[in-house]
Protein backbone atom coordinates (compact mmCIF):
# COMPACT_ATOMS: atom_id res chain seq x y z
CA MET A 1 -11.54 11.08 -42.87
CA LYS A 2 -7.90 9.42 -43.25
CA LYS A 3 -6.89 11.64 -41.18
CA ALA A 4 -9.55 11.50 -38.48
CA PHE A 5 -8.74 7.71 -38.21
CA ILE A 6 -4.68 8.76 -38.21
CA LEU A 7 -5.53 11.16 -35.06
CA VAL A 8 -8.50 8.24 -33.45
CA ALA A 9 -5.35 6.18 -33.28
CA LEU A 10 -3.37 8.52 -32.39
CA PHE A 11 -5.32 9.33 -29.17
CA VAL A 12 -6.52 5.41 -28.86
CA ALA A 13 -2.42 4.86 -28.67
CA ILE A 14 -1.96 7.33 -26.29
CA ALA A 15 -4.47 6.27 -24.00
CA ILE A 16 -3.52 2.69 -23.74
CA THR A 17 0.01 4.19 -23.33
CA ALA A 18 -1.41 5.88 -20.00
CA CYS A 19 -2.92 2.85 -19.06
CA ILE A 20 -0.30 0.51 -19.27
CA GLN A 21 2.36 3.07 -17.38
CA LYS A 22 -0.63 3.53 -14.84
CA GLN A 23 -1.03 -0.21 -14.47
CA GLY A 24 2.98 -0.59 -14.20
CA GLU A 25 3.28 2.15 -11.55
CA GLY A 26 0.15 0.14 -9.43
CA LEU A 27 2.39 -3.08 -9.90
CA LEU A 28 5.53 -1.28 -8.62
CA SER A 29 3.59 0.12 -5.69
CA SER A 30 2.20 -3.16 -5.10
CA LYS A 31 5.13 -5.09 -4.61
CA THR A 32 6.98 -2.33 -2.55
CA VAL A 33 6.41 -1.45 1.37
CA THR A 34 7.06 1.97 2.30
CA VAL A 35 8.22 2.31 6.37
CA MET A 36 8.43 5.30 8.18
CA ILE A 37 11.24 4.70 10.61
CA TYR A 38 14.05 5.83 12.61
CA SER A 39 16.95 5.80 11.40
CA GLU A 40 19.21 2.97 12.11
CA TYR A 41 16.59 1.07 13.52
CA ILE A 42 16.32 -2.49 11.51
CA ASP A 43 18.58 -4.67 10.33
CA PRO A 44 19.39 -4.44 6.73
CA ALA A 45 19.60 -8.25 6.38
CA LEU A 46 16.22 -8.39 7.59
CA LEU A 47 14.55 -6.87 4.90
CA ASP A 48 16.70 -8.77 2.46
CA ASP A 49 15.23 -11.73 3.92
CA PHE A 50 11.99 -10.27 3.74
CA LYS A 51 12.22 -9.76 0.38
CA ASP A 52 13.38 -13.51 -0.43
CA LYS A 53 10.10 -14.31 1.20
CA THR A 54 7.48 -12.68 0.28
CA GLY A 55 8.90 -10.95 -2.99
CA TYR A 56 7.85 -6.98 -1.37
CA LYS A 57 10.77 -4.66 -1.39
CA VAL A 58 11.22 -2.04 1.37
CA GLU A 59 11.95 1.28 0.87
CA LEU A 60 12.78 3.55 4.08
CA GLU A 61 11.90 7.04 4.90
CA LEU A 62 13.96 7.97 7.97
CA TYR A 63 13.57 10.38 10.60
CA GLU A 64 15.31 11.97 13.93
CA ALA A 65 12.24 12.64 16.17
CA GLN A 66 8.71 12.56 16.63
CA GLU A 67 7.88 16.10 15.62
CA GLU A 68 9.57 15.61 12.70
CA MET A 69 7.35 12.72 11.88
CA ILE A 70 4.41 14.19 12.58
CA ALA A 71 5.19 17.07 9.99
CA LYS A 72 6.08 14.59 7.31
CA LEU A 73 2.91 12.77 7.94
CA ILE A 74 0.75 15.68 7.77
CA THR A 75 2.31 17.09 4.64
CA ALA A 76 2.89 14.09 2.58
CA ASP A 77 1.07 13.20 -0.50
CA SER A 78 -1.77 10.72 -0.43
CA GLY A 79 -0.01 7.18 -0.08
CA LYS A 80 3.35 7.79 0.51
CA TYR A 81 3.71 5.45 3.19
CA ASP A 82 2.18 2.25 4.24
CA VAL A 83 3.65 1.37 8.13
CA ILE A 84 4.40 3.94 10.59
CA ILE A 85 7.02 3.07 13.35
CA ALA A 86 6.04 5.10 16.15
CA SER A 87 6.62 5.79 19.79
CA ASP A 88 3.95 5.01 21.98
CA VAL A 89 3.18 8.74 23.43
CA VAL A 90 2.37 10.18 19.82
CA ILE A 91 -0.02 7.05 18.93
CA GLN A 92 -2.89 8.67 19.91
CA GLN A 93 -2.11 12.02 18.37
CA MET A 94 -1.62 10.35 14.89
CA VAL A 95 -5.09 8.65 15.75
CA HIS A 96 -7.30 12.25 16.34
CA LEU A 97 -4.85 13.26 13.23
CA GLY A 98 -6.82 10.71 10.97
CA LEU A 99 -3.01 9.46 9.92
CA ILE A 100 -3.25 5.81 11.05
CA ALA A 101 -6.12 2.97 10.27
CA PRO A 102 -7.13 0.28 12.79
CA ILE A 103 -5.57 -2.87 12.31
CA ASP A 104 -6.89 -6.30 11.21
CA THR A 105 -4.64 -8.56 13.84
CA ASN A 106 -6.38 -11.54 11.68
CA LYS A 107 -3.90 -10.92 9.00
CA ILE A 108 -1.04 -10.90 11.47
CA PRO A 109 -0.79 -14.26 12.98
CA ASN A 110 2.39 -14.13 14.73
CA HIS A 111 0.59 -11.00 17.25
CA VAL A 112 0.06 -13.60 19.42
CA ASN A 113 4.22 -13.66 20.26
CA VAL A 114 3.36 -10.05 21.89
CA ALA A 115 4.19 -10.33 25.81
CA PRO A 116 0.97 -9.77 27.46
CA GLN A 117 2.47 -6.77 29.53
CA PHE A 118 3.07 -5.19 26.33
CA LEU A 119 -0.44 -5.29 25.68
CA GLY A 120 -3.69 -3.05 26.98
CA GLN A 121 -1.30 0.16 27.55
CA ALA A 122 -3.20 3.76 27.76
CA TYR A 123 -1.47 4.82 24.60
CA ASP A 124 -4.04 2.16 22.61
CA PRO A 125 -5.82 0.27 25.29
CA THR A 126 -7.26 -2.17 23.13
CA ASN A 127 -4.03 -2.24 20.49
CA THR A 128 -6.55 -1.30 17.92
CA TYR A 129 -3.78 0.65 16.33
CA SER A 130 -0.84 -0.33 17.00
CA LEU A 131 1.55 -3.58 17.52
CA PRO A 132 5.01 -3.41 19.48
CA TYR A 133 8.18 -3.11 17.44
CA LEU A 134 10.43 -2.78 20.15
CA TRP A 135 10.89 -1.70 23.67
CA GLY A 136 13.52 0.75 25.59
CA THR A 137 14.56 3.47 27.91
CA THR A 138 16.04 6.95 27.72
CA GLY A 139 19.05 7.76 30.51
CA ILE A 140 22.42 9.56 30.62
CA LEU A 141 25.25 7.82 28.48
CA TYR A 142 28.60 9.23 29.92
CA ARG A 143 32.03 8.78 29.99
CA GLY A 144 34.49 7.37 32.93
CA GLY A 145 34.05 5.24 35.93
CA LYS A 146 33.44 7.85 38.90
CA PHE A 147 29.89 7.38 39.07
CA HIS A 148 28.31 4.54 39.63
CA PRO A 149 25.59 3.97 37.19
CA ASP A 150 23.16 2.88 40.24
CA SER A 151 24.17 6.76 42.18
CA VAL A 152 24.09 8.36 38.96
CA SER A 153 21.21 11.51 39.36
CA TYR A 154 20.22 14.07 36.85
CA SER A 155 22.17 16.70 38.43
CA LEU A 156 25.47 15.21 36.53
CA LEU A 157 24.22 17.42 33.74
CA PHE A 158 21.71 19.75 35.36
CA ASP A 159 24.62 21.60 37.87
CA ALA A 160 27.44 23.14 36.15
CA LYS A 161 29.69 22.05 39.36
CA ASN A 162 29.08 18.24 38.19
CA THR A 163 29.87 18.58 34.57
CA LYS A 164 33.07 17.39 33.37
CA GLY A 165 32.94 18.22 29.74
CA LYS A 166 30.60 18.99 26.80
CA PHE A 167 27.23 17.31 26.89
CA SER A 168 23.76 17.63 25.12
CA LEU A 169 20.23 16.93 25.73
CA LEU A 170 17.51 15.03 24.00
CA ASN A 171 16.09 16.93 21.04
CA GLU A 172 12.61 15.47 21.78
CA SER A 173 10.38 17.99 23.59
CA ARG A 174 8.29 15.56 25.46
CA SER A 175 10.87 13.43 26.54
CA MET A 176 12.93 15.97 27.59
CA LEU A 177 10.90 18.09 29.14
CA SER A 178 9.37 15.22 31.01
CA MET A 179 12.73 13.99 32.18
CA ALA A 180 13.23 17.75 33.34
CA LEU A 181 9.78 16.92 35.35
CA GLU A 182 11.53 14.28 37.54
CA ALA A 183 14.25 15.74 38.45
CA ILE A 184 12.70 18.33 40.14
CA GLY A 185 10.55 15.56 41.90
CA SER A 186 7.56 15.66 40.10
CA ASP A 187 5.52 13.52 37.83
CA ALA A 188 6.31 12.75 34.56
CA ASN A 189 3.23 12.79 33.47
CA SER A 190 2.42 15.86 35.23
CA THR A 191 -0.10 18.40 33.38
CA ARG A 192 0.16 21.08 36.20
CA GLN A 193 1.45 24.32 34.61
CA ASP A 194 3.49 25.51 38.00
CA GLU A 195 5.26 22.20 37.68
CA LEU A 196 6.11 22.49 33.73
CA ASN A 197 7.22 25.99 34.20
CA LYS A 198 9.58 24.58 37.07
CA ALA A 199 10.92 22.20 34.67
CA VAL A 200 11.88 24.92 31.74
CA SER A 201 13.58 27.12 34.16
CA TYR A 202 15.69 23.60 35.15
CA ILE A 203 16.13 23.32 31.08
CA LEU A 204 17.50 26.70 30.83
CA GLN A 205 19.55 26.69 34.12
CA ALA A 206 21.46 23.47 31.71
CA LYS A 207 21.42 25.54 28.84
CA LYS A 208 23.64 28.24 30.67
CA ASP A 209 26.28 25.79 31.58
CA PRO A 210 29.65 26.61 29.48
CA HIS A 211 29.68 22.65 28.80
CA PHE A 212 25.96 22.70 27.01
CA ALA A 213 26.77 21.76 23.55
CA GLY A 214 22.96 21.39 22.44
CA PHE A 215 19.81 19.79 21.49
CA ASP A 216 20.73 16.72 19.75
CA GLY A 217 18.94 13.26 18.24
CA SER A 218 19.82 10.53 20.75
CA ASP A 219 22.43 8.83 17.90
CA ILE A 220 24.22 11.74 16.86
CA GLY A 221 24.68 12.44 21.28
CA LYS A 222 26.17 8.67 21.30
CA ASP A 223 28.46 9.46 18.35
CA LYS A 224 29.91 12.32 19.70
CA VAL A 225 30.20 10.70 23.65
CA ILE A 226 32.47 7.93 21.51
CA SER A 227 34.29 10.75 19.32
CA LYS A 228 35.45 12.13 23.02
CA GLU A 229 33.73 15.14 21.79
CA TYR A 230 30.91 15.11 24.22
CA TRP A 231 31.06 13.74 27.98
CA ALA A 232 28.01 12.49 28.22
CA ALA A 233 24.06 12.88 26.84
CA ILE A 234 20.82 11.59 26.89
CA VAL A 235 20.25 9.17 24.37
CA PHE A 236 17.93 5.91 24.28
CA SER A 237 19.41 2.58 25.50
CA GLY A 238 19.86 0.93 22.20
CA GLU A 239 22.34 3.84 21.26
CA ALA A 240 24.35 3.63 24.48
CA MET A 241 24.51 0.31 24.26
CA ASP A 242 25.93 0.26 20.62
CA ALA A 243 28.23 3.11 22.49
CA ILE A 244 29.83 0.58 25.34
CA ASP A 245 30.17 -2.22 22.66
CA THR A 246 32.13 0.27 21.00
CA ASP A 247 34.18 1.89 23.96
CA SER A 248 34.18 -0.23 27.10
CA THR A 249 34.85 2.83 29.28
CA LEU A 250 31.64 4.53 29.08
CA HIS A 251 28.20 3.59 31.23
CA TYR A 252 24.39 4.43 30.74
CA ALA A 253 21.94 5.13 34.12
CA ILE A 254 18.80 5.35 34.85
CA PRO A 255 18.89 8.44 37.04
CA ALA A 256 17.87 8.20 40.49
CA GLU A 257 15.11 10.33 40.58
CA GLY A 258 13.41 8.02 37.23
CA SER A 259 13.20 7.79 33.99
CA PHE A 260 10.37 6.33 31.42
CA MET A 261 10.51 3.32 29.75
CA TRP A 262 9.05 3.66 26.12
CA VAL A 263 7.88 1.44 23.17
CA ASP A 264 7.74 1.96 19.74
CA ALA A 265 4.71 0.48 18.02
CA MET A 266 3.94 -0.48 14.40
CA THR A 267 1.25 0.94 12.81
CA LEU A 268 -0.63 1.30 9.50
CA SER A 269 -0.65 4.47 7.76
CA SER A 270 -4.28 5.45 6.77
CA LYS A 271 -3.48 6.22 3.34
CA ALA A 272 -1.52 3.25 2.87
CA LYS A 273 -1.30 2.19 -0.85
CA ASN A 274 -0.07 -1.39 -0.11
CA PRO A 275 -2.19 -2.55 2.92
CA ALA A 276 -0.83 -6.16 2.22
CA GLY A 277 2.33 -5.80 2.14
CA ALA A 278 1.84 -3.46 5.07
CA TYR A 279 0.69 -6.28 6.71
CA ALA A 280 3.15 -8.98 5.61
CA PHE A 281 6.09 -7.06 7.06
CA MET A 282 4.29 -6.51 10.59
CA ASP A 283 3.86 -10.65 10.80
CA TYR A 284 7.49 -11.10 9.89
CA ILE A 285 8.69 -8.84 12.63
CA LEU A 286 6.80 -10.58 15.04
CA ASP A 287 8.16 -14.24 14.08
CA ALA A 288 9.98 -15.27 16.89
CA LYS A 289 13.10 -15.89 15.31
CA ASN A 290 13.29 -13.02 13.10
CA GLY A 291 12.01 -10.68 16.37
CA ALA A 292 15.34 -11.98 18.13
CA GLN A 293 17.28 -10.77 15.21
CA LEU A 294 15.94 -7.40 15.22
CA ALA A 295 16.60 -7.09 18.86
CA LYS A 296 20.22 -8.08 19.02
CA ALA A 297 20.96 -6.44 15.81
CA ILE A 298 19.64 -3.07 17.15
CA ASN A 299 20.62 -3.37 20.90
CA TYR A 300 17.31 -2.95 22.18
CA ALA A 301 14.83 -4.97 24.29
CA THR A 302 11.86 -7.16 22.31
CA PRO A 303 8.24 -7.07 23.34
CA ASN A 304 8.26 -10.30 21.69
CA LYS A 305 7.80 -13.14 24.16
CA ALA A 306 8.59 -15.90 21.69
CA SER A 307 11.90 -14.19 20.85
CA LEU A 308 12.79 -13.30 24.47
CA ASP A 309 12.67 -17.15 24.89
CA ILE A 310 14.89 -17.77 22.43
CA MET A 311 17.77 -15.62 23.02
CA ASP A 312 21.09 -16.23 25.15
CA ASP A 313 21.48 -15.12 29.09
CA ASP A 314 23.63 -12.62 27.97
CA PHE A 315 21.49 -10.64 26.19
CA LYS A 316 18.44 -11.18 29.03
CA ASN A 317 20.54 -10.26 31.51
CA ASN A 318 22.25 -7.27 29.93
CA ARG A 319 21.14 -4.47 32.36
CA VAL A 320 21.25 -1.66 29.68
CA ILE A 321 18.75 -3.35 27.32
CA ASN A 322 16.74 -4.88 29.77
CA PRO A 323 16.82 -2.87 33.26
CA ASN A 324 16.49 -4.81 36.68
CA LYS A 325 13.83 -4.37 38.90
CA GLN A 326 14.73 -1.60 40.69
CA GLU A 327 14.98 0.21 37.73
CA ILE A 328 11.72 -0.47 36.51
CA GLU A 329 10.24 0.14 39.48
CA ARG A 330 11.48 4.00 39.17
CA MET A 331 10.24 4.61 35.59
CA VAL A 332 7.07 4.92 33.95
CA PHE A 333 5.39 4.74 30.41
CA LEU A 334 4.25 8.48 29.22
CA ASN A 335 1.19 9.08 28.69
CA ASP A 336 -0.85 10.92 26.04
CA MET A 337 -1.59 14.42 27.07
CA GLY A 338 -4.19 15.24 24.84
CA GLU A 339 -5.31 18.75 24.78
CA LYS A 340 -2.43 19.73 26.94
CA GLU A 341 0.14 18.62 24.72
CA LYS A 342 -0.02 22.65 23.50
CA ASN A 343 1.22 23.66 27.26
CA PHE A 344 4.15 21.54 26.47
CA ASP A 345 4.56 22.57 22.97
CA GLU A 346 4.76 26.45 24.25
CA ALA A 347 6.81 24.99 26.92
CA TRP A 348 9.47 23.96 24.42
CA MET A 349 9.35 27.01 22.65
CA ILE A 350 10.59 28.99 25.06
CA VAL A 351 13.32 26.47 25.95
CA ASN A 352 14.21 26.52 22.43
CA THR A 353 14.27 30.76 22.11
CA GLN A 354 16.05 31.67 25.62
């Protein structure tokens, strides 16, 4: 009887300990917001301030390319992420895969600060699943002043007669194939197989150039141009601005044939453990002052009208960050390819294996 009592007491103690441990884990997760985001894409000072103001600690899960991000989300443990910063071009894919949930904007009062031109875009027509974080462009970062940015063509990299040193192309399939489509005179959103085949051939032509160094992430390409290991690289505008801030002899250009603008957006994980913390983070980022600090620290354009209103003219008039009217006219947003996405995947496989 005494032995039985001891056993019962032991089981009760174990159960209570497990319960306390589980409650402790739940409490810890409720005070932590896990954000999946590109590397070097948020000002650490904002994370500290967010914790001071809300009590939520932010943990970052970093990725370098959209394909990597999708793969991580598909294989991740349930509830690993709360907020996902995703490129516009993959939002619909994430919706179809059930990776993100509808956003309740009633819980994000600062959503009213988003500029109208960044709402109702094709990737999320009703802004059900996303709110803009930052926006930018993709172009060519290169060394030397021989080529004026307004006259730069894709032939600067894709024609061996023009390359002056080692260069890299971007390691994102959709971005690189769409740039190649524009380079051959087609629409960046073309789904025609014959045009896609020509785009593949155009990239393969560049790969044969002895100066071709490989496919890199934007930040790696930027670093290698700064270090003079590369002469040029295809990068995002924010990395280009970082490079030019470091070395004023560098230039960034939107190719004459065109390129594309993109929006990186905040989305809510469909398996978020801490949706309250996720909403607090989104609302914090969309505050006018915080949005301005984010854009200035990261060197990307802000979709936040309230933020832009309080920023200085040097930032507003910087062509690398905020392209002029002529540059905007030769850029497009990339559309979701839907079922045609597999054609781009197959095309990219050819690019990587030949």
